[in-house]
Amino acid sequence: GTSSSTVCVSVPYQICTGGSVLLTSQTAGQWYRNGIIILGETGTTYTATQGGSYTNTSLLQALNCTDNCCFVVTEIQTSAPTVSAGPATGNTTNATCMPVSTPYPVSIALGNCAGGTFTIYQTKNGGAETTLATGVTVSPYNLTLTSSATAGTTDTYVFSATCSANSCTSSRSSGSTITLSTTPAALNAPTV
């Protein structure tokens, strides 16, 4: 005679924080996460939005995922980096009273992005956001801003960043601001 057995392997999935994966079982049944019933979920599919061991079976099987088919979902959490923008080392220019069209070296310190890369964004004076740099792996990131060509103006730059690691991208960091102000236009002396 012949004998047969069914071998079932736990299926691994990875999702990013805020992401999801559609799990599909061969038969309809009650869904469980880590052995705990998921209320109202009794179909053949379930959308998992957090890490855990998922089953669509009886409670006895749900508690023992090693002996039956289960879906193992790992949630990859990529934290938003910290961003701190300031004058670059050696920059002694007074940002609040600059001559027009003067270079201003800036250094952007970026927080942790283990095994990943940063994308840095910039807005100027509340306008449209631009991507300043992608694939950044070093911190600090250095760049040079230039003061306005018009005397007596103020430009405000806001820098933020995301971290991309393990195929996931973090939420946006909070912004760090640099303000450059040009000296007022010279006053004309009255004529006598």
C-alpha atoms as a PDB file:
ATOM      1  CA  GLY A   1       0.000   0.000   0.000  1.00  0.00           C
ATOM      2  CA  THR A   2       0.825   3.589  -0.277  1.00  0.00           C
ATOM      3  CA  SER A   3       0.452   6.226   2.354  1.00  0.00           C
ATOM      4  CA  SER A   4       0.126   9.896   1.900  1.00  0.00           C
ATOM      5  CA  SER A   5       0.497  12.857   4.172  1.00  0.00           C
ATOM      6  CA  THR A   6       0.005  16.527   3.746  1.00  0.00           C
ATOM      7  CA  VAL A   7       2.991  18.693   4.510  1.00  0.00           C
ATOM      8  CA  CYS A   8       2.290  22.307   5.220  1.00  0.00           C
ATOM      9  CA  VAL A   9       4.864  25.049   5.470  1.00  0.00           C
ATOM     10  CA  SER A  10       4.348  28.352   7.220  1.00  0.00           C
ATOM     11  CA  VAL A  11       4.303  31.143   4.654  1.00  0.00           C
ATOM     12  CA  PRO A  12       6.434  34.224   5.492  1.00  0.00           C
ATOM     13  CA  TYR A  13       5.390  37.737   4.467  1.00  0.00           C
ATOM     14  CA  GLN A  14       6.916  41.134   5.160  1.00  0.00           C
ATOM     15  CA  ILE A  15       5.001  44.396   5.273  1.00  0.00           C
ATOM     16  CA  CYS A  16       6.109  47.948   5.884  1.00  0.00           C
ATOM     17  CA  THR A  17       4.593  49.955   8.726  1.00  0.00           C
ATOM     18  CA  GLY A  18       1.257  51.217   7.410  1.00  0.00           C
ATOM     19  CA  GLY A  19       1.221  48.526   4.696  1.00  0.00           C
ATOM     20  CA  SER A  20      -0.819  45.353   4.331  1.00  0.00           C
ATOM     21  CA  VAL A  21      -0.819  41.904   2.768  1.00  0.00           C
ATOM     22  CA  LEU A  22      -3.804  39.869   1.568  1.00  0.00           C
ATOM     23  CA  LEU A  23      -3.737  36.377   3.107  1.00  0.00           C
ATOM     24  CA  THR A  24      -5.699  33.647   1.323  1.00  0.00           C
ATOM     25  CA  SER A  25      -6.749  30.310   2.802  1.00  0.00           C
ATOM     26  CA  GLN A  26      -8.039  27.309   0.820  1.00  0.00           C
ATOM     27  CA  THR A  27     -11.186  27.104   2.924  1.00  0.00           C
ATOM     28  CA  ALA A  28     -13.346  29.606   4.744  1.00  0.00           C
ATOM     29  CA  GLY A  29     -13.002  29.632   8.480  1.00  0.00           C
ATOM     30  CA  GLN A  30     -12.351  31.782  11.501  1.00  0.00           C
ATOM     31  CA  TRP A  31      -9.170  33.882  11.283  1.00  0.00           C
ATOM     32  CA  TYR A  32      -6.779  34.117  14.228  1.00  0.00           C
ATOM     33  CA  ARG A  33      -3.740  36.267  14.946  1.00  0.00           C
ATOM     34  CA  ASN A  34      -1.262  34.821  17.428  1.00  0.00           C
ATOM     35  CA  GLY A  35      -3.957  32.378  18.556  1.00  0.00           C
ATOM     36  CA  ILE A  36      -6.492  35.131  19.296  1.00  0.00           C
ATOM     37  CA  ILE A  37      -9.741  35.253  17.331  1.00  0.00           C
ATOM     38  CA  ILE A  38     -10.160  38.154  14.899  1.00  0.00           C
ATOM     39  CA  LEU A  39     -13.805  39.094  15.375  1.00  0.00           C
ATOM     40  CA  GLY A  40     -15.973  39.039  12.255  1.00  0.00           C
ATOM     41  CA  GLU A  41     -13.292  37.530   9.984  1.00  0.00           C
ATOM     42  CA  THR A  42     -14.536  34.158   8.700  1.00  0.00           C
ATOM     43  CA  GLY A  43     -13.864  34.191   4.954  1.00  0.00           C
ATOM     44  CA  THR A  44     -11.114  32.734   2.797  1.00  0.00           C
ATOM     45  CA  THR A  45      -9.148  36.013   2.784  1.00  0.00           C
ATOM     46  CA  TYR A  46      -7.921  38.429   5.425  1.00  0.00           C
ATOM     47  CA  THR A  47      -5.940  41.659   5.026  1.00  0.00           C
ATOM     48  CA  ALA A  48      -3.167  41.696   7.633  1.00  0.00           C
ATOM     49  CA  THR A  49      -1.926  45.146   8.645  1.00  0.00           C
ATOM     50  CA  GLN A  50       0.377  44.150  11.496  1.00  0.00           C
ATOM     51  CA  GLY A  51       2.944  41.493  12.303  1.00  0.00           C
ATOM     52  CA  GLY A  52       1.957  38.120  13.759  1.00  0.00           C
ATOM     53  CA  SER A  53       1.113  34.485  13.028  1.00  0.00           C
ATOM     54  CA  TYR A  54      -2.214  34.171  11.210  1.00  0.00           C
ATOM     55  CA  THR A  55      -4.331  31.054  10.723  1.00  0.00           C
ATOM     56  CA  ASN A  56      -7.731  30.241   9.301  1.00  0.00           C
ATOM     57  CA  THR A  57      -8.506  27.069  11.265  1.00  0.00           C
ATOM     58  CA  SER A  58      -9.844  25.770  14.567  1.00  0.00           C
ATOM     59  CA  LEU A  59      -8.535  27.361  17.778  1.00  0.00           C
ATOM     60  CA  LEU A  60      -6.479  24.256  18.600  1.00  0.00           C
ATOM     61  CA  GLN A  61      -4.600  24.549  15.307  1.00  0.00           C
ATOM     62  CA  ALA A  62      -4.383  28.316  15.569  1.00  0.00           C
ATOM     63  CA  LEU A  63      -2.461  28.057  18.837  1.00  0.00           C
ATOM     64  CA  ASN A  64       0.093  25.646  17.342  1.00  0.00           C
ATOM     65  CA  CYS A  65       1.278  27.241  14.135  1.00  0.00           C
ATOM     66  CA  THR A  66       4.270  24.900  13.803  1.00  0.00           C
ATOM     67  CA  ASP A  67       2.034  21.876  13.041  1.00  0.00           C
ATOM     68  CA  ASN A  68      -0.149  23.414  10.369  1.00  0.00           C
ATOM     69  CA  CYS A  69      -0.288  26.071   7.690  1.00  0.00           C
ATOM     70  CA  CYS A  70       0.020  29.559   9.007  1.00  0.00           C
ATOM     71  CA  PHE A  71       0.932  32.920   7.616  1.00  0.00           C
ATOM     72  CA  VAL A  72       3.818  34.590   9.422  1.00  0.00           C
ATOM     73  CA  VAL A  73       3.727  38.340   8.868  1.00  0.00           C
ATOM     74  CA  THR A  74       6.712  40.430   9.918  1.00  0.00           C
ATOM     75  CA  GLU A  75       6.178  44.167  10.138  1.00  0.00           C
ATOM     76  CA  ILE A  76       9.254  46.176   9.193  1.00  0.00           C
ATOM     77  CA  GLN A  77       9.300  49.429  11.118  1.00  0.00           C
ATOM     78  CA  THR A  78      11.372  52.167   9.534  1.00  0.00           C
ATOM     79  CA  SER A  79      11.436  55.187  11.809  1.00  0.00           C
ATOM     80  CA  ALA A  80      11.386  58.724  10.487  1.00  0.00           C
ATOM     81  CA  PRO A  81      14.892  60.182  10.692  1.00  0.00           C
ATOM     82  CA  THR A  82      15.764  63.301  12.613  1.00  0.00           C
ATOM     83  CA  VAL A  83      16.941  66.337  10.654  1.00  0.00           C
ATOM     84  CA  SER A  84      18.906  69.279  11.985  1.00  0.00           C
ATOM     85  CA  ALA A  85      20.035  71.990   9.574  1.00  0.00           C
ATOM     86  CA  GLY A  86      22.553  74.653  10.525  1.00  0.00           C
ATOM     87  CA  PRO A  87      25.625  76.523   9.360  1.00  0.00           C
ATOM     88  CA  ALA A  88      28.371  74.251   8.044  1.00  0.00           C
ATOM     89  CA  THR A  89      31.596  73.943  10.022  1.00  0.00           C
ATOM     90  CA  GLY A  90      33.669  77.068   9.462  1.00  0.00           C
ATOM     91  CA  ASN A  91      30.718  79.159   8.240  1.00  0.00           C
ATOM     92  CA  THR A  92      30.934  82.460  10.112  1.00  0.00           C
ATOM     93  CA  THR A  93      28.437  84.396   7.974  1.00  0.00           C
ATOM     94  CA  ASN A  94      25.644  86.069   9.946  1.00  0.00           C
ATOM     95  CA  ALA A  95      22.467  84.617   8.390  1.00  0.00           C
ATOM     96  CA  THR A  96      20.323  87.514   9.632  1.00  0.00           C
ATOM     97  CA  CYS A  97      22.273  90.289   7.899  1.00  0.00           C
ATOM     98  CA  MET A  98      23.792  89.026   4.662  1.00  0.00           C
ATOM     99  CA  PRO A  99      24.965  90.905   1.596  1.00  0.00           C
ATOM    100  CA  VAL A 100      22.860  90.088  -1.474  1.00  0.00           C
ATOM    101  CA  SER A 101      23.759  86.948  -3.496  1.00  0.00           C
ATOM    102  CA  THR A 102      26.113  85.602  -0.816  1.00  0.00           C
ATOM    103  CA  PRO A 103      26.834  81.853  -0.523  1.00  0.00           C
ATOM    104  CA  TYR A 104      25.841  80.310   2.817  1.00  0.00           C
ATOM    105  CA  PRO A 105      27.266  76.801   3.478  1.00  0.00           C
ATOM    106  CA  VAL A 106      24.765  74.562   5.271  1.00  0.00           C
ATOM    107  CA  SER A 107      25.153  71.217   7.008  1.00  0.00           C
ATOM    108  CA  ILE A 108      22.153  68.900   7.447  1.00  0.00           C
ATOM    109  CA  ALA A 109      22.655  66.312  10.192  1.00  0.00           C
ATOM    110  CA  LEU A 110      20.539  63.208   9.554  1.00  0.00           C
ATOM    111  CA  GLY A 111      19.469  60.689  12.204  1.00  0.00           C
ATOM    112  CA  ASN A 112      19.681  56.911  11.944  1.00  0.00           C
ATOM    113  CA  CYS A 113      18.766  54.980   8.782  1.00  0.00           C
ATOM    114  CA  ALA A 114      20.402  51.613   9.466  1.00  0.00           C
ATOM    115  CA  GLY A 115      21.250  49.864   6.212  1.00  0.00           C
ATOM    116  CA  GLY A 116      19.291  52.371   4.161  1.00  0.00           C
ATOM    117  CA  THR A 117      19.445  55.694   2.380  1.00  0.00           C
ATOM    118  CA  PHE A 118      17.980  59.133   2.965  1.00  0.00           C
ATOM    119  CA  THR A 119      15.935  61.297   0.625  1.00  0.00           C
ATOM    120  CA  ILE A 120      16.174  64.991   1.534  1.00  0.00           C
ATOM    121  CA  TYR A 121      13.413  67.478   0.696  1.00  0.00           C
ATOM    122  CA  GLN A 122      13.394  71.286   0.706  1.00  0.00           C
ATOM    123  CA  THR A 123      10.786  74.013   0.584  1.00  0.00           C
ATOM    124  CA  LYS A 124      11.552  77.705   0.204  1.00  0.00           C
ATOM    125  CA  ASN A 125       9.248  80.415   1.533  1.00  0.00           C
ATOM    126  CA  GLY A 126       6.347  77.963   1.840  1.00  0.00           C
ATOM    127  CA  GLY A 127       6.435  77.167  -1.872  1.00  0.00           C
ATOM    128  CA  ALA A 128       6.494  73.837  -3.656  1.00  0.00           C
ATOM    129  CA  GLU A 129       8.554  71.070  -2.154  1.00  0.00           C
ATOM    130  CA  THR A 130      11.539  69.844  -4.137  1.00  0.00           C
ATOM    131  CA  THR A 131      13.610  66.716  -3.743  1.00  0.00           C
ATOM    132  CA  LEU A 132      17.048  68.001  -2.868  1.00  0.00           C
ATOM    133  CA  ALA A 133      18.931  64.664  -2.867  1.00  0.00           C
ATOM    134  CA  THR A 134      18.231  60.910  -3.037  1.00  0.00           C
ATOM    135  CA  GLY A 135      20.318  57.896  -2.062  1.00  0.00           C
ATOM    136  CA  VAL A 136      22.174  59.840   0.640  1.00  0.00           C
ATOM    137  CA  THR A 137      24.204  57.532   2.898  1.00  0.00           C
ATOM    138  CA  VAL A 138      26.375  59.996   4.818  1.00  0.00           C
ATOM    139  CA  SER A 139      25.599  62.507   7.517  1.00  0.00           C
ATOM    140  CA  PRO A 140      26.000  65.395   7.628  1.00  0.00           C
ATOM    141  CA  TYR A 141      24.875  66.290   4.126  1.00  0.00           C
ATOM    142  CA  ASN A 142      26.450  69.583   3.008  1.00  0.00           C
ATOM    143  CA  LEU A 143      25.123  72.111   0.525  1.00  0.00           C
ATOM    144  CA  THR A 144      25.336  75.814  -0.155  1.00  0.00           C
ATOM    145  CA  LEU A 145      22.379  78.178  -0.182  1.00  0.00           C
ATOM    146  CA  THR A 146      22.645  81.659  -1.680  1.00  0.00           C
ATOM    147  CA  SER A 147      21.010  84.729  -0.197  1.00  0.00           C
ATOM    148  CA  SER A 148      18.516  86.659  -2.256  1.00  0.00           C
ATOM    149  CA  ALA A 149      19.671  88.995  -4.999  1.00  0.00           C
ATOM    150  CA  THR A 150      17.280  91.602  -3.600  1.00  0.00           C
ATOM    151  CA  ALA A 151      18.210  93.700  -0.578  1.00  0.00           C
ATOM    152  CA  GLY A 152      15.967  93.643   2.477  1.00  0.00           C
ATOM    153  CA  THR A 153      14.410  90.192   1.826  1.00  0.00           C
ATOM    154  CA  THR A 154      14.111  87.100   3.947  1.00  0.00           C
ATOM    155  CA  ASP A 155      14.125  83.541   2.595  1.00  0.00           C
ATOM    156  CA  THR A 156      13.050  80.631   4.768  1.00  0.00           C
ATOM    157  CA  TYR A 157      14.212  77.115   3.870  1.00  0.00           C
ATOM    158  CA  VAL A 158      12.702  74.014   5.499  1.00  0.00           C
ATOM    159  CA  PHE A 159      14.482  70.675   5.193  1.00  0.00           C
ATOM    160  CA  SER A 160      12.998  67.224   5.899  1.00  0.00           C
ATOM    161  CA  ALA A 161      13.942  63.637   5.058  1.00  0.00           C
ATOM    162  CA  THR A 162      12.756  60.046   4.772  1.00  0.00           C
ATOM    163  CA  CYS A 163      14.676  56.822   5.326  1.00  0.00           C
ATOM    164  CA  SER A 164      14.385  53.892   2.890  1.00  0.00           C
ATOM    165  CA  ALA A 165      15.585  50.515   4.190  1.00  0.00           C
ATOM    166  CA  ASN A 166      14.516  46.895   3.663  1.00  0.00           C
ATOM    167  CA  SER A 167      12.176  47.933   0.813  1.00  0.00           C
ATOM    168  CA  CYS A 168      10.255  50.236   3.173  1.00  0.00           C
ATOM    169  CA  THR A 169      10.202  54.035   3.393  1.00  0.00           C
ATOM    170  CA  SER A 170       9.672  55.857   6.673  1.00  0.00           C
ATOM    171  CA  SER A 171       7.269  58.662   7.301  1.00  0.00           C
ATOM    172  CA  ARG A 172       8.612  62.189   6.784  1.00  0.00           C
ATOM    173  CA  SER A 173      10.792  63.732   9.475  1.00  0.00           C
ATOM    174  CA  SER A 174       9.765  67.002  11.043  1.00  0.00           C
ATOM    175  CA  GLY A 175      11.271  69.999   9.330  1.00  0.00           C
ATOM    176  CA  SER A 176      14.379  71.940  10.263  1.00  0.00           C
ATOM    177  CA  THR A 177      14.482  75.600   9.237  1.00  0.00           C
ATOM    178  CA  ILE A 178      17.181  77.995   8.083  1.00  0.00           C
ATOM    179  CA  THR A 179      16.351  81.652   7.466  1.00  0.00           C
ATOM    180  CA  LEU A 180      18.583  83.950   5.406  1.00  0.00           C
ATOM    181  CA  SER A 181      17.995  87.720   5.462  1.00  0.00           C
ATOM    182  CA  THR A 182      19.724  90.243   3.263  1.00  0.00           C
ATOM    183  CA  THR A 183      20.742  93.675   4.482  1.00  0.00           C
ATOM    184  CA  PRO A 184      18.288  96.466   3.769  1.00  0.00           C
ATOM    185  CA  ALA A 185      18.903  98.649   0.775  1.00  0.00           C
ATOM    186  CA  ALA A 186      21.075 101.672   1.499  1.00  0.00           C
ATOM    187  CA  LEU A 187      19.129 104.812   2.177  1.00  0.00           C
ATOM    188  CA  ASN A 188      19.819 107.764  -0.049  1.00  0.00           C
ATOM    189  CA  ALA A 189      21.047 110.808   1.831  1.00  0.00           C
ATOM    190  CA  PRO A 190      18.734 113.790   1.459  1.00  0.00           C
ATOM    191  CA  THR A 191      19.953 116.495  -0.855  1.00  0.00           C
ATOM    192  CA  VAL A 192      20.241 120.007   0.499  1.00  0.00           C
END
